Amino acid sequence: MMLYLSFPVTMFWISNQAEYFEEYIVKRKVKESQKAEIEKIYH
């Protein structure tokens, strides 16, 4: 029963840890902004 209750709590806690995803989000935003700049130059 304890495992049954602790699993969702653990998943929620892990998914809300910003430092795990911060680098990925920053890289994705940089790629998007670079892509937009390149499209603006060539169109």
N, C-alpha and C. Protein backbone atom coordinates (compact mmCIF):
# COMPACT_ATOMS: atom_id res chain seq x y z
N MET A 1 0.82 -1.20 0.00
CA MET A 1 0.00 0.00 0.00
C MET A 1 0.87 1.26 0.00
N MET A 2 1.95 1.21 0.75
CA MET A 2 2.84 2.37 0.80
C MET A 2 3.46 2.64 -0.57
N LEU A 3 3.86 1.60 -1.27
CA LEU A 3 4.41 1.76 -2.61
C LEU A 3 3.36 2.32 -3.56
N TYR A 4 2.16 1.86 -3.44
CA TYR A 4 1.05 2.32 -4.28
C TYR A 4 0.82 3.82 -4.11
N LEU A 5 0.97 4.33 -2.90
CA LEU A 5 0.77 5.75 -2.64
C LEU A 5 2.01 6.58 -2.93
N SER A 6 3.18 6.02 -2.74
CA SER A 6 4.40 6.81 -2.91
C SER A 6 4.81 6.97 -4.37
N PHE A 7 4.42 6.06 -5.24
CA PHE A 7 4.81 6.15 -6.65
C PHE A 7 4.30 7.43 -7.31
N PRO A 8 2.99 7.75 -7.25
CA PRO A 8 2.53 9.00 -7.89
C PRO A 8 3.14 10.25 -7.26
N VAL A 9 3.34 10.22 -5.95
CA VAL A 9 3.94 11.37 -5.27
C VAL A 9 5.37 11.57 -5.76
N THR A 10 6.11 10.48 -5.90
CA THR A 10 7.49 10.56 -6.39
C THR A 10 7.53 11.06 -7.82
N MET A 11 6.67 10.56 -8.68
CA MET A 11 6.63 11.02 -10.08
C MET A 11 6.30 12.50 -10.16
N PHE A 12 5.35 12.95 -9.34
CA PHE A 12 4.98 14.36 -9.32
C PHE A 12 6.17 15.20 -8.87
N TRP A 13 6.87 14.76 -7.84
CA TRP A 13 8.01 15.50 -7.31
C TRP A 13 9.12 15.60 -8.36
N ILE A 14 9.42 14.49 -9.04
CA ILE A 14 10.47 14.49 -10.06
C ILE A 14 10.09 15.40 -11.22
N SER A 15 8.84 15.34 -11.65
CA SER A 15 8.43 16.14 -12.80
C SER A 15 8.41 17.63 -12.49
N ASN A 16 8.39 18.00 -11.24
CA ASN A 16 8.38 19.41 -10.87
C ASN A 16 9.76 19.94 -10.48
N GLN A 17 10.79 19.16 -10.71
CA GLN A 17 12.14 19.63 -10.44
C GLN A 17 12.66 20.37 -11.67
N ALA A 18 12.71 21.67 -11.61
CA ALA A 18 13.03 22.50 -12.78
C ALA A 18 14.46 22.27 -13.28
N GLU A 19 15.39 21.99 -12.39
CA GLU A 19 16.78 21.87 -12.83
C GLU A 19 17.01 20.68 -13.77
N TYR A 20 16.15 19.68 -13.72
CA TYR A 20 16.29 18.55 -14.64
C TYR A 20 15.96 18.95 -16.07
N PHE A 21 15.03 19.89 -16.24
CA PHE A 21 14.52 20.23 -17.57
C PHE A 21 14.97 21.59 -18.05
N GLU A 22 15.60 22.37 -17.17
CA GLU A 22 15.95 23.75 -17.50
C GLU A 22 16.88 23.83 -18.71
N GLU A 23 17.92 23.02 -18.72
CA GLU A 23 18.89 23.05 -19.83
C GLU A 23 18.22 22.67 -21.15
N TYR A 24 17.36 21.67 -21.13
CA TYR A 24 16.65 21.24 -22.34
C TYR A 24 15.76 22.35 -22.88
N ILE A 25 15.05 23.02 -21.99
CA ILE A 25 14.13 24.09 -22.42
C ILE A 25 14.91 25.26 -23.00
N VAL A 26 16.01 25.63 -22.36
CA VAL A 26 16.83 26.74 -22.85
C VAL A 26 17.38 26.41 -24.23
N LYS A 27 17.89 25.20 -24.42
CA LYS A 27 18.43 24.80 -25.73
C LYS A 27 17.34 24.83 -26.79
N ARG A 28 16.15 24.37 -26.45
CA ARG A 28 15.05 24.35 -27.42
C ARG A 28 14.65 25.76 -27.82
N LYS A 29 14.60 26.67 -26.85
CA LYS A 29 14.23 28.06 -27.16
C LYS A 29 15.30 28.73 -28.01
N VAL A 30 16.56 28.43 -27.77
CA VAL A 30 17.64 29.00 -28.58
C VAL A 30 17.52 28.50 -30.01
N LYS A 31 17.25 27.21 -30.19
CA LYS A 31 17.08 26.67 -31.53
C LYS A 31 15.91 27.33 -32.25
N GLU A 32 14.80 27.53 -31.55
CA GLU A 32 13.63 28.16 -32.16
C GLU A 32 13.93 29.59 -32.58
N SER A 33 14.65 30.34 -31.74
CA SER A 33 14.94 31.73 -32.08
C SER A 33 15.93 31.80 -33.23
N GLN A 34 16.90 30.89 -33.27
CA GLN A 34 17.85 30.86 -34.39
C GLN A 34 17.12 30.49 -35.68
N LYS A 35 16.21 29.56 -35.60
CA LYS A 35 15.44 29.15 -36.77
C LYS A 35 14.61 30.31 -37.30
N ALA A 36 13.99 31.06 -36.40
CA ALA A 36 13.18 32.21 -36.80
C ALA A 36 14.04 33.28 -37.46
N GLU A 37 15.23 33.52 -36.93
CA GLU A 37 16.13 34.51 -37.53
C GLU A 37 16.57 34.08 -38.92
N ILE A 38 16.89 32.82 -39.09
CA ILE A 38 17.33 32.31 -40.39
C ILE A 38 16.19 32.42 -41.40
N GLU A 39 14.98 32.07 -40.99
CA GLU A 39 13.83 32.18 -41.90
C GLU A 39 13.56 33.63 -42.28
N LYS A 40 13.75 34.53 -41.33
CA LYS A 40 13.53 35.95 -41.61
C LYS A 40 14.56 36.46 -42.63
N ILE A 41 15.78 35.99 -42.53
CA ILE A 41 16.83 36.43 -43.46
C ILE A 41 16.56 35.92 -44.86
N TYR A 42 16.15 34.68 -44.99
CA TYR A 42 16.01 34.07 -46.32
C TYR A 42 14.65 34.28 -46.95
N HIS A 43 13.70 34.89 -46.24
CA HIS A 43 12.37 35.09 -46.84
C HIS A 43 12.09 36.54 -47.03
